[in-house]
Amino acid sequence: MSDEARKIAVTQVRSLSGRPDIHRRTMRALGFTKNQQTRYHTETPTIRGMLYQVRHLVEVTEVEE
């Protein structure tokens, strides 16, 4: 891995309707307020753990800078 932190784009692709509260809170912590939004994050172990928890609701792509 390089010295620079990698950036990732996270897009919500599934609705939170009927999902457990822990998933709703995790998505809110990632910055999502509506379906189909895209948020940009620096790839860290914390962010990766959050994304793993809601992996069925999001799509993750690496950002080319």
C-alpha atoms as a PDB file:
ATOM      1  CA  MET A   1       0.000   0.000   0.000  1.00  0.00           C
ATOM      2  CA  SER A   2       1.245   3.499  -0.785  1.00  0.00           C
ATOM      3  CA  ASP A   3       1.899   6.267   1.726  1.00  0.00           C
ATOM      4  CA  GLU A   4      -1.250   8.059   0.592  1.00  0.00           C
ATOM      5  CA  ALA A   5      -4.577   6.983   2.030  1.00  0.00           C
ATOM      6  CA  ARG A   6      -6.843   5.322  -0.533  1.00  0.00           C
ATOM      7  CA  LYS A   7     -10.187   6.941  -1.276  1.00  0.00           C
ATOM      8  CA  ILE A   8     -13.332   4.928  -1.853  1.00  0.00           C
ATOM      9  CA  ALA A   9     -16.752   5.879  -3.192  1.00  0.00           C
ATOM     10  CA  VAL A  10     -19.657   4.244  -1.379  1.00  0.00           C
ATOM     11  CA  THR A  11     -23.108   4.245  -2.984  1.00  0.00           C
ATOM     12  CA  GLN A  12     -26.270   3.121  -1.223  1.00  0.00           C
ATOM     13  CA  VAL A  13     -28.021   0.692  -3.579  1.00  0.00           C
ATOM     14  CA  ARG A  14     -30.681  -0.842  -1.306  1.00  0.00           C
ATOM     15  CA  SER A  15     -33.355   0.741   0.869  1.00  0.00           C
ATOM     16  CA  LEU A  16     -33.177   0.763   4.661  1.00  0.00           C
ATOM     17  CA  SER A  17     -36.864  -0.084   4.879  1.00  0.00           C
ATOM     18  CA  GLY A  18     -37.354  -3.061   7.175  1.00  0.00           C
ATOM     19  CA  ARG A  19     -33.688  -3.199   8.187  1.00  0.00           C
ATOM     20  CA  PRO A  20     -32.499  -3.559  11.788  1.00  0.00           C
ATOM     21  CA  ASP A  21     -31.762  -0.390  13.743  1.00  0.00           C
ATOM     22  CA  ILE A  22     -28.028  -1.202  13.860  1.00  0.00           C
ATOM     23  CA  HIS A  23     -27.893  -1.067  10.047  1.00  0.00           C
ATOM     24  CA  ARG A  24     -29.795   2.225   9.988  1.00  0.00           C
ATOM     25  CA  ARG A  25     -27.400   3.752  12.523  1.00  0.00           C
ATOM     26  CA  THR A  26     -24.353   2.484  10.644  1.00  0.00           C
ATOM     27  CA  MET A  27     -25.605   3.973   7.363  1.00  0.00           C
ATOM     28  CA  ARG A  28     -26.300   7.280   9.115  1.00  0.00           C
ATOM     29  CA  ALA A  29     -22.780   7.257  10.569  1.00  0.00           C
ATOM     30  CA  LEU A  30     -21.433   6.757   7.039  1.00  0.00           C
ATOM     31  CA  GLY A  31     -23.309   9.908   6.005  1.00  0.00           C
ATOM     32  CA  PHE A  32     -26.273   8.459   4.118  1.00  0.00           C
ATOM     33  CA  THR A  33     -29.659  10.162   4.369  1.00  0.00           C
ATOM     34  CA  LYS A  34     -31.330   8.947   1.141  1.00  0.00           C
ATOM     35  CA  ASN A  35     -31.213   5.966  -1.185  1.00  0.00           C
ATOM     36  CA  GLN A  36     -28.824   6.120  -4.188  1.00  0.00           C
ATOM     37  CA  GLN A  37     -26.508   8.651  -2.533  1.00  0.00           C
ATOM     38  CA  THR A  38     -22.735   8.438  -2.955  1.00  0.00           C
ATOM     39  CA  ARG A  39     -20.331   9.324  -0.173  1.00  0.00           C
ATOM     40  CA  TYR A  40     -16.539   9.462  -0.329  1.00  0.00           C
ATOM     41  CA  HIS A  41     -14.399   8.112   2.493  1.00  0.00           C
ATOM     42  CA  THR A  42     -10.754   7.404   3.224  1.00  0.00           C
ATOM     43  CA  GLU A  43     -10.220   3.666   3.506  1.00  0.00           C
ATOM     44  CA  THR A  44      -9.502   2.897   7.154  1.00  0.00           C
ATOM     45  CA  PRO A  45     -10.132  -0.229   9.234  1.00  0.00           C
ATOM     46  CA  THR A  46     -13.043   1.518  10.953  1.00  0.00           C
ATOM     47  CA  ILE A  47     -14.752   2.443   7.687  1.00  0.00           C
ATOM     48  CA  ARG A  48     -14.097  -1.037   6.263  1.00  0.00           C
ATOM     49  CA  GLY A  49     -15.727  -2.625   9.315  1.00  0.00           C
ATOM     50  CA  MET A  50     -18.785  -0.420   8.946  1.00  0.00           C
ATOM     51  CA  LEU A  51     -19.026  -1.255   5.250  1.00  0.00           C
ATOM     52  CA  TYR A  52     -18.725  -4.974   6.003  1.00  0.00           C
ATOM     53  CA  GLN A  53     -21.691  -4.717   8.350  1.00  0.00           C
ATOM     54  CA  VAL A  54     -23.915  -3.187   5.638  1.00  0.00           C
ATOM     55  CA  ARG A  55     -22.278  -4.816   2.596  1.00  0.00           C
ATOM     56  CA  HIS A  56     -25.654  -5.945   1.250  1.00  0.00           C
ATOM     57  CA  LEU A  57     -26.883  -2.325   1.124  1.00  0.00           C
ATOM     58  CA  VAL A  58     -23.937  -0.561  -0.521  1.00  0.00           C
ATOM     59  CA  GLU A  59     -21.606  -0.710  -3.504  1.00  0.00           C
ATOM     60  CA  VAL A  60     -17.955   0.253  -2.989  1.00  0.00           C
ATOM     61  CA  THR A  61     -15.565   1.436  -5.709  1.00  0.00           C
ATOM     62  CA  GLU A  62     -12.042   2.809  -5.496  1.00  0.00           C
ATOM     63  CA  VAL A  63     -11.611   6.441  -6.553  1.00  0.00           C
ATOM     64  CA  GLU A  64      -8.882   7.238  -9.069  1.00  0.00           C
ATOM     65  CA  GLU A  65      -7.255  10.546  -8.297  1.00  0.00           C
END
